[in-house]
Structure formats: C-alpha cells, structure tokens
Amino acid sequence: MTPSDEASLRDRRLALVRRHMESENELDFEATLATFDHPRYELIATGQVYDGADEVAGYYRTSRAAFPDQRNENVVLTSAEDVVVAEFDLLGTQLGELAGYAPTGRSFRCRMCALFLFAPGGERIIGERVYFDQGTILRQLTADA
C-alpha cells in the first residue's frame, strides 16, 4: 500500500468513526450498526461484552432507557495502525433503572477512551473497546444533592 493509499484509508476510517459517534448522539442506531463489519462492544470497566448485531442493539436499548439523553461531546480522534482512538466526554441523565439502581434524575459527565478496531486494510469497524472509570459515573449519580 502506498503512503497515499494509507492516508486515504486513515481518512475514511476517521470519517466512519465520526459518523458512528454522531449517529449514537442522534439515536440512529441503524446507522451506528452499519458502521460495523461485525458489531461488538467491550466495556472494560464493567467486563460486559456485547457481540453481534442483536446484542449490540440490546445494549443501545438498555443504555438509552436508563439515559435517554446519553451523548458524547468534545471528541478527539487519533489514528494508528488498524485502530482509531477516540477520547470524549460521555454525558447523560439517569431517568431509568441501571443495573439495579433506581433512576436518580441526576446527570453525569465522564471522560472516556474508546478504541475502534479495524481488520488489516478494513474499512468498517470490527469492535469498539471502551475504557472509563465506573466510579466517576456512580459518584455523580448517587451523590447527596
């Protein structure tokens, strides 16, 4: 692959990850799923893995039931070989139950890092691995008002 081809592939991958994250904010999960070659989320802080379109779609439903306004902001993307690294703030207001926690009506903001994985030479995402501090979110949701 020529340096020009590599730059073009990198630019297409960055654009795809931007579309992926924007479609999540727009709650257009059909568009989000279309960015994957194989939908897969790994939430490192909780150990949860959602593998395949049905499981990932279920994750979207569950997370947005708890946080209907969940969104990402302040996104910074960096490209490396076969991965796009995204740093961003995740925000949301807990209006539904989450893992046994009753809705608090409180909001959170948490800085996160996600790795968007690509097969060598691939142009669609084969997995998203998300790193965050679960305690940061829980403290904000359960803090005394």
Protein backbone atom coordinates (compact mmCIF):
# COMPACT_ATOMS: atom_id res chain seq x y z
CA MET A 1 0.00 0.00 0.00
CA THR A 2 1.41 3.40 -0.96
CA PRO A 3 1.63 6.25 1.56
CA SER A 4 -1.20 7.95 -0.36
CA ASP A 5 -3.36 4.82 -0.07
CA GLU A 6 -2.60 4.60 3.66
CA ALA A 7 -3.56 8.25 4.18
CA SER A 8 -6.78 7.73 2.26
CA LEU A 9 -7.68 4.64 4.32
CA ARG A 10 -6.89 6.53 7.53
CA ASP A 11 -9.14 9.43 6.46
CA ARG A 12 -12.01 7.07 5.59
CA ARG A 13 -11.69 5.33 8.96
CA LEU A 14 -11.69 8.65 10.84
CA ALA A 15 -14.79 9.77 8.91
CA LEU A 16 -16.51 6.45 9.68
CA VAL A 17 -15.83 6.77 13.43
CA ARG A 18 -17.14 10.36 13.35
CA ARG A 19 -20.34 9.09 11.68
CA HIS A 20 -20.56 6.28 14.24
CA MET A 21 -20.37 8.67 17.18
CA GLU A 22 -22.71 11.24 15.60
CA SER A 23 -25.31 8.57 14.85
CA GLU A 24 -25.22 7.49 18.51
CA ASN A 25 -25.97 11.09 19.54
CA GLU A 26 -28.83 11.19 17.03
CA LEU A 27 -30.19 7.84 18.36
CA ASP A 28 -29.93 6.49 14.80
CA PHE A 29 -28.71 3.08 15.86
CA GLU A 30 -29.39 1.52 12.46
CA ALA A 31 -26.76 3.91 11.06
CA THR A 32 -24.46 3.13 14.00
CA LEU A 33 -24.73 -0.63 13.38
CA ALA A 34 -23.98 -0.03 9.68
CA THR A 35 -20.51 1.28 10.60
CA PHE A 36 -19.54 -2.20 11.82
CA ASP A 37 -18.33 -5.14 9.81
CA HIS A 38 -19.14 -7.11 12.96
CA PRO A 39 -20.85 -5.25 15.83
CA ARG A 40 -19.02 -5.77 19.12
CA TYR A 41 -18.71 -3.60 22.24
CA GLU A 42 -16.38 -4.34 25.13
CA LEU A 43 -16.97 -2.21 28.23
CA ILE A 44 -13.71 -2.71 30.10
CA ALA A 45 -14.82 -1.11 33.40
CA THR A 46 -17.75 -3.49 33.81
CA GLY A 47 -16.45 -6.53 31.94
CA GLN A 48 -19.55 -6.54 29.72
CA VAL A 49 -19.23 -7.72 26.12
CA TYR A 50 -21.97 -7.33 23.52
CA ASP A 51 -21.19 -9.42 20.47
CA GLY A 52 -23.26 -9.39 17.30
CA ALA A 53 -25.97 -7.10 15.97
CA ASP A 54 -28.72 -8.35 18.32
CA GLU A 55 -26.65 -7.97 21.49
CA VAL A 56 -25.33 -4.55 20.48
CA ALA A 57 -28.85 -3.35 19.60
CA GLY A 58 -29.97 -4.60 23.03
CA TYR A 59 -27.15 -2.60 24.64
CA TYR A 60 -28.35 0.53 22.84
CA ARG A 61 -31.93 -0.04 24.07
CA THR A 62 -30.88 -0.69 27.68
CA SER A 63 -28.42 2.18 27.95
CA ARG A 64 -30.82 4.69 26.39
CA ALA A 65 -33.69 3.50 28.60
CA ALA A 66 -31.55 4.45 31.59
CA PHE A 67 -30.06 7.57 29.97
CA PRO A 68 -32.35 8.82 27.17
CA ASP A 69 -30.16 11.89 26.61
CA GLN A 70 -26.84 10.00 26.61
CA ARG A 71 -24.40 11.65 24.24
CA ASN A 72 -20.74 12.20 23.53
CA GLU A 73 -19.03 15.59 23.38
CA ASN A 74 -15.53 17.01 22.96
CA VAL A 75 -14.46 14.16 20.71
CA VAL A 76 -10.78 13.94 19.79
CA LEU A 77 -9.82 11.26 17.26
CA THR A 78 -6.37 9.84 16.64
CA SER A 79 -5.48 7.22 14.08
CA ALA A 80 -2.97 4.41 14.42
CA GLU A 81 -2.45 1.18 12.55
CA ASP A 82 -5.81 -0.63 12.36
CA VAL A 83 -7.33 1.42 15.19
CA VAL A 84 -8.92 4.82 15.71
CA VAL A 85 -8.62 6.12 19.26
CA ALA A 86 -11.43 8.37 20.48
CA GLU A 87 -11.24 10.49 23.62
CA PHE A 88 -14.55 12.06 24.60
CA ASP A 89 -16.87 13.10 27.38
CA LEU A 90 -19.93 10.92 27.85
CA LEU A 91 -22.92 12.66 29.42
CA GLY A 92 -26.38 11.63 30.42
CA THR A 93 -29.21 11.94 32.91
CA GLN A 94 -30.40 8.80 34.70
CA LEU A 95 -34.14 8.61 34.08
CA GLY A 96 -34.41 4.82 34.06
CA GLU A 97 -33.06 1.86 36.04
CA LEU A 98 -29.44 0.90 35.51
CA ALA A 99 -28.06 -2.43 36.76
CA GLY A 100 -30.48 -2.45 39.68
CA TYR A 101 -30.01 1.24 40.52
CA ALA A 102 -33.30 3.16 40.58
CA PRO A 103 -33.45 6.36 38.50
CA THR A 104 -31.91 9.31 40.33
CA GLY A 105 -32.70 12.09 37.85
CA ARG A 106 -29.06 13.13 38.23
CA SER A 107 -26.64 13.75 35.40
CA PHE A 108 -23.07 12.61 34.87
CA ARG A 109 -20.06 13.58 32.77
CA CYS A 110 -17.18 11.15 32.38
CA ARG A 111 -14.06 11.35 30.23
CA MET A 112 -13.66 8.13 28.25
CA CYS A 113 -11.41 6.48 25.72
CA ALA A 114 -12.62 4.09 23.04
CA LEU A 115 -10.61 2.01 20.63
CA PHE A 116 -12.34 1.43 17.30
CA LEU A 117 -10.73 -1.70 15.89
CA PHE A 118 -10.36 -2.49 12.18
CA ALA A 119 -9.16 -5.61 10.38
CA PRO A 120 -5.89 -5.01 8.48
CA GLY A 121 -6.86 -2.96 5.43
CA GLY A 122 -10.52 -3.00 6.55
CA GLU A 123 -12.84 -0.05 6.22
CA ARG A 124 -15.54 -0.98 8.74
CA ILE A 125 -15.30 -1.36 12.50
CA ILE A 126 -14.86 -4.88 13.90
CA GLY A 127 -15.12 -3.87 17.54
CA GLU A 128 -15.29 -0.99 19.97
CA ARG A 129 -13.42 -1.29 23.27
CA VAL A 130 -14.41 1.39 25.79
CA TYR A 131 -12.33 2.40 28.82
CA PHE A 132 -13.76 4.51 31.64
CA ASP A 133 -13.89 4.87 35.41
CA GLN A 134 -17.23 3.49 36.54
CA GLY A 135 -16.78 5.16 39.94
CA THR A 136 -16.74 8.60 38.31
CA ILE A 137 -20.23 7.97 36.95
CA LEU A 138 -21.64 6.30 40.08
CA ARG A 139 -20.41 9.10 42.38
CA GLN A 140 -22.22 11.68 40.28
CA LEU A 141 -25.43 9.67 40.09
CA THR A 142 -25.57 8.80 43.78
CA ALA A 143 -24.07 11.92 45.38
CA ASP A 144 -26.18 13.66 48.01
CA ALA A 145 -27.91 16.65 46.46
